[in-house]
Protein backbone atom coordinates (compact mmCIF):
# COMPACT_ATOMS: atom_id res chain seq x y z
CA MET A 1 -57.39 2.39 -63.87
CA GLY A 2 -54.70 5.05 -63.93
CA LEU A 3 -53.53 7.14 -61.03
CA VAL A 4 -56.31 9.18 -59.40
CA PRO A 5 -55.75 10.94 -56.06
CA VAL A 6 -57.77 9.28 -53.31
CA GLN A 7 -58.64 12.70 -51.90
CA LEU A 8 -60.25 13.67 -55.22
CA LEU A 9 -62.61 10.70 -55.00
CA ARG A 10 -63.37 11.47 -51.37
CA ASP A 11 -64.20 15.06 -52.29
CA ARG A 12 -66.53 13.92 -55.08
CA ARG A 13 -68.30 11.55 -52.69
CA ARG A 14 -69.46 14.56 -50.66
CA SER A 15 -71.38 15.84 -53.71
CA PHE A 16 -73.73 12.85 -53.74
CA VAL A 17 -76.61 12.18 -51.36
CA GLU A 18 -79.05 9.41 -50.55
CA LEU A 19 -82.52 9.87 -52.07
CA TYR A 20 -85.80 8.51 -50.70
CA ALA A 21 -89.16 8.78 -52.49
CA TYR A 22 -92.55 8.04 -50.92
CA ASP A 23 -95.74 7.15 -52.80
CA ASN A 24 -99.46 7.45 -52.10
CA ASN A 25 -99.63 3.79 -51.09
CA GLY A 26 -97.25 4.27 -48.18
CA ARG A 27 -94.32 2.61 -49.90
CA SER A 28 -90.85 4.02 -50.41
CA ASN A 29 -87.89 3.49 -52.71
CA TYR A 30 -84.33 4.74 -52.64
CA GLY A 31 -81.72 6.04 -55.04
CA THR A 32 -79.01 8.68 -55.38
CA ALA A 33 -78.77 12.36 -56.38
CA GLY A 34 -75.79 14.53 -57.31
CA TYR A 35 -75.44 18.17 -56.22
CA LEU A 36 -75.09 20.81 -58.95
CA GLY A 37 -75.05 23.96 -56.82
CA ASN A 38 -77.69 26.62 -56.00
CA GLY A 39 -79.92 23.97 -54.43
CA TYR A 40 -80.17 21.85 -57.60
CA PHE A 41 -79.65 18.08 -57.75
CA VAL A 42 -79.67 15.66 -60.68
CA THR A 43 -81.05 12.12 -60.48
CA VAL A 44 -83.10 9.61 -62.50
CA LYS A 45 -86.75 10.17 -63.33
CA HIS A 46 -87.84 6.66 -62.35
CA ALA A 47 -86.75 7.34 -58.75
CA VAL A 48 -88.93 10.43 -58.29
CA VAL A 49 -91.82 10.03 -60.77
CA ALA A 50 -94.18 7.05 -61.13
CA LEU A 51 -93.64 6.06 -64.76
CA HIS A 52 -96.65 3.72 -65.01
CA PRO A 53 -99.39 5.21 -62.79
CA GLY A 54 -102.21 3.71 -64.86
CA GLU A 55 -100.73 0.23 -64.65
CA ASP A 56 -99.73 0.25 -60.98
CA ASP A 57 -102.93 0.96 -59.01
CA GLY A 58 -102.63 4.70 -59.60
CA ARG A 59 -99.29 4.92 -57.86
CA ARG A 60 -97.74 8.37 -57.66
CA ILE A 61 -94.82 9.87 -55.77
CA VAL A 62 -96.01 12.29 -53.09
CA SER A 63 -92.68 13.37 -51.58
CA VAL A 64 -88.95 13.17 -52.20
CA LYS A 65 -86.37 13.59 -49.47
CA LEU A 66 -82.59 13.87 -49.64
CA ARG A 67 -80.20 12.97 -46.86
CA VAL A 68 -77.98 16.05 -46.60
CA ASN A 69 -75.31 16.24 -43.90
CA GLY A 70 -77.24 13.81 -41.72
CA LYS A 71 -80.59 15.57 -42.09
CA SER A 72 -83.62 14.79 -44.24
CA VAL A 73 -84.41 17.64 -46.68
CA LEU A 74 -87.58 17.86 -48.76
CA ALA A 75 -86.92 18.28 -52.50
CA THR A 76 -89.14 19.28 -55.42
CA VAL A 77 -88.98 17.96 -58.99
CA VAL A 78 -88.45 21.02 -61.21
CA ASP A 79 -87.70 19.29 -64.52
CA ALA A 80 -87.58 15.79 -65.99
CA GLY A 81 -87.01 13.91 -69.22
CA ASP A 82 -89.62 12.15 -71.34
CA ALA A 83 -88.89 8.58 -70.24
CA ARG A 84 -91.86 6.23 -69.97
CA GLY A 85 -89.73 3.45 -68.58
CA GLU A 86 -86.36 2.71 -67.04
CA VAL A 87 -83.10 2.44 -69.02
CA ASP A 88 -84.14 5.25 -71.34
CA ARG A 89 -82.26 8.36 -72.51
CA GLY A 90 -85.09 10.45 -71.08
CA ASP A 91 -84.70 8.92 -67.62
CA TRP A 92 -83.40 12.01 -65.82
CA ALA A 93 -84.79 14.56 -63.39
CA ILE A 94 -83.72 17.79 -61.71
CA LEU A 95 -84.60 18.41 -58.06
CA ARG A 96 -84.33 21.54 -55.97
CA VAL A 97 -84.29 22.09 -52.23
CA PRO A 98 -85.70 25.31 -50.70
CA LYS A 99 -82.60 26.37 -48.77
CA PRO A 100 -78.86 26.48 -49.56
CA VAL A 101 -76.96 23.33 -48.61
CA ASN A 102 -73.33 22.98 -47.59
CA LEU A 103 -72.19 20.56 -50.29
CA PRO A 104 -69.51 20.92 -52.98
CA PRO A 105 -71.13 21.23 -56.43
CA LEU A 106 -70.12 18.84 -59.17
CA ARG A 107 -68.36 19.94 -62.34
CA VAL A 108 -69.99 18.37 -65.40
CA ASN A 109 -68.44 17.31 -68.69
CA MET A 110 -70.89 16.87 -71.57
CA ASN A 111 -68.21 15.93 -74.11
CA PHE A 112 -66.71 12.82 -72.57
CA PRO A 113 -65.87 10.51 -75.52
CA TYR A 114 -66.93 7.18 -73.95
CA GLU A 115 -64.28 5.20 -75.75
CA PHE A 116 -64.03 1.45 -75.29
CA ALA A 117 -62.17 0.51 -72.06
CA ASP A 118 -62.16 4.08 -70.68
CA PRO A 119 -61.82 3.75 -66.88
CA ILE A 120 -64.63 5.24 -64.80
CA PHE A 121 -65.63 5.68 -61.17
CA ARG A 122 -69.21 5.24 -60.01
CA LEU A 123 -70.67 6.78 -56.84
CA GLY A 124 -74.08 5.70 -55.56
CA ASN A 125 -76.30 4.72 -52.65
CA ASP A 126 -75.73 0.96 -52.89
CA TYR A 127 -78.53 -0.98 -51.17
CA SER A 128 -79.42 2.20 -49.22
CA LYS A 129 -76.20 1.82 -47.22
CA GLY A 130 -74.73 5.21 -48.01
CA ILE A 131 -72.62 6.54 -50.88
CA ILE A 132 -70.16 3.89 -52.06
CA LEU A 133 -67.45 3.97 -54.72
CA SER A 134 -67.16 1.39 -57.49
CA THR A 135 -64.81 1.26 -60.46
CA GLY A 136 -65.28 -0.07 -63.95
CA TYR A 137 -64.78 0.33 -67.68
CA ILE A 138 -66.76 1.64 -70.62
CA GLY A 139 -68.19 -0.93 -73.00
CA GLN A 140 -69.84 0.61 -76.04
CA LYS A 141 -72.36 3.21 -77.16
CA THR A 142 -75.85 1.92 -77.98
CA ALA A 143 -78.30 2.96 -80.68
CA SER A 144 -80.64 4.26 -77.97
CA GLY A 145 -78.15 6.92 -76.83
CA LEU A 146 -76.97 5.07 -73.74
CA VAL A 147 -73.58 3.53 -72.96
CA THR A 148 -72.85 0.07 -71.60
CA SER A 149 -70.27 -0.42 -68.89
CA LEU A 150 -68.76 -3.03 -66.63
CA THR A 151 -69.38 -1.55 -63.17
CA ASP A 152 -71.59 -2.45 -60.23
CA GLY A 153 -75.27 -1.59 -60.75
CA HIS A 154 -76.66 -2.47 -57.34
CA PRO A 155 -80.13 -1.30 -56.24
CA GLY A 156 -79.95 2.34 -55.16
CA VAL A 157 -77.12 3.53 -57.41
CA SER A 158 -79.48 4.89 -60.08
CA GLY A 159 -79.23 8.67 -60.13
CA GLY A 160 -75.67 8.65 -58.87
CA GLY A 161 -72.63 9.77 -60.76
CA VAL A 162 -70.14 8.44 -63.27
CA ILE A 163 -66.84 10.26 -62.75
CA ASP A 164 -63.86 10.44 -65.09
CA GLN A 165 -60.17 10.53 -64.13
CA ARG A 166 -60.24 14.32 -63.77
CA GLY A 167 -63.06 14.19 -61.26
CA ASP A 168 -65.71 15.52 -63.66
CA MET A 169 -69.19 14.03 -63.69
CA VAL A 170 -69.77 12.62 -67.17
CA GLY A 171 -72.86 10.46 -66.80
CA ILE A 172 -75.63 8.99 -64.66
CA PRO A 173 -76.03 5.28 -63.87
CA ILE A 174 -79.65 4.49 -64.79
CA GLY A 175 -80.00 0.71 -64.75
CA ARG A 176 -78.51 -2.70 -65.34
CA MET A 177 -78.98 -5.83 -67.38
CA GLN A 178 -81.71 -8.02 -65.91
CA GLY A 179 -80.16 -10.53 -63.52
CA ASP A 180 -76.64 -9.09 -63.84
CA TYR A 181 -75.48 -6.50 -61.30
CA ARG A 182 -72.15 -5.94 -63.07
CA PHE A 183 -73.42 -5.01 -66.56
CA SER A 184 -74.75 -1.45 -66.27
CA PHE A 185 -76.15 1.32 -68.43
CA ILE A 186 -74.99 4.94 -68.31
CA LEU A 187 -76.84 8.04 -69.47
CA PRO A 188 -74.25 10.47 -70.91
CA LEU A 189 -74.74 14.07 -69.78
CA ARG A 190 -76.14 16.56 -72.31
CA LYS A 191 -77.32 20.18 -72.30
CA GLU A 192 -81.04 19.32 -72.25
CA ILE A 193 -80.69 17.81 -68.77
CA PHE A 194 -79.51 21.12 -67.29
CA ARG A 195 -81.82 23.51 -69.15
CA LYS A 196 -83.41 24.77 -65.90
CA VAL A 197 -80.27 24.75 -63.75
CA THR A 198 -78.62 28.09 -62.99
CA GLY A 199 -74.95 28.46 -62.08
CA LEU A 200 -73.94 25.07 -63.48
CA GLN A 201 -70.20 24.35 -63.24
CA VAL A 202 -68.98 23.04 -66.58
CA SER A 203 -65.61 21.42 -67.22
CA ARG A 204 -63.05 23.25 -69.31
CA GLN A 205 -62.66 19.89 -71.07
CA GLU A 206 -58.91 19.94 -71.01
CA GLU A 207 -57.59 16.88 -72.75
CA LEU A 208 -56.35 14.23 -70.38
CA VAL A 209 -52.90 13.15 -71.54
CA PRO A 210 -52.26 9.51 -70.59
CA ALA A 211 -49.09 8.74 -68.71
CA VAL A 212 -46.63 6.67 -70.73
CA ALA A 213 -43.68 4.91 -69.19
CA VAL A 214 -40.37 6.41 -70.26
CA THR A 215 -38.98 2.98 -71.02
CA LEU A 216 -41.62 2.48 -73.71
CA ALA A 217 -40.51 5.59 -75.56
CA ALA A 218 -36.79 4.86 -75.32
CA PRO A 219 -35.09 3.44 -78.44
CA LEU A 220 -34.35 -0.25 -78.38
CA ALA A 221 -30.77 -1.22 -77.77
CA ASN A 222 -28.91 -2.81 -80.68
CA PRO A 223 -28.71 -6.53 -79.85
CA GLN A 224 -25.55 -6.91 -81.93
């Protein structure tokens, strides 16, 4: 996975919160949201908007609450993608809370290459048990604009964050393969997602130079 300071991952964990949505039928579901600064959060659309209201007894989300520093904070959906179902490149949403919150904002990288076997870190609200870290690797880019990965896709992690080795947020976990919690789909970050967010912190996109052992670069000794 490469060497990543533990403190960096702990710091990034503080930028993610538990999300709970409540519908008009008295039911609730849970997910994750990442803090962008100025009261804005990013998550998945399917966690905060009923995608099939006509097919699901008129179900609609009536309130969204975020667990911030131990307190429940009401959030409003201010923007969302055009997804009509889950595991879709339009499955994103932006939330905003009415008052400033004491959370460190994430730095986003919209140019992460998503090369095969790139190591990643995933932060999410696994099984509604709080923000948990998982590690994994990039698989491949799909024709639909998503990326496959080998990392835990437990219930509740949708809307969380995919973090690179520099600590930048590069994507959003949005779903998994049916029946397989380890094969997950990532939505790469792009400008459209943040079109209504002010004060967004964007990575300088400095190239990460991989560490190479000195012994590999040394000339081979003459066996004769």
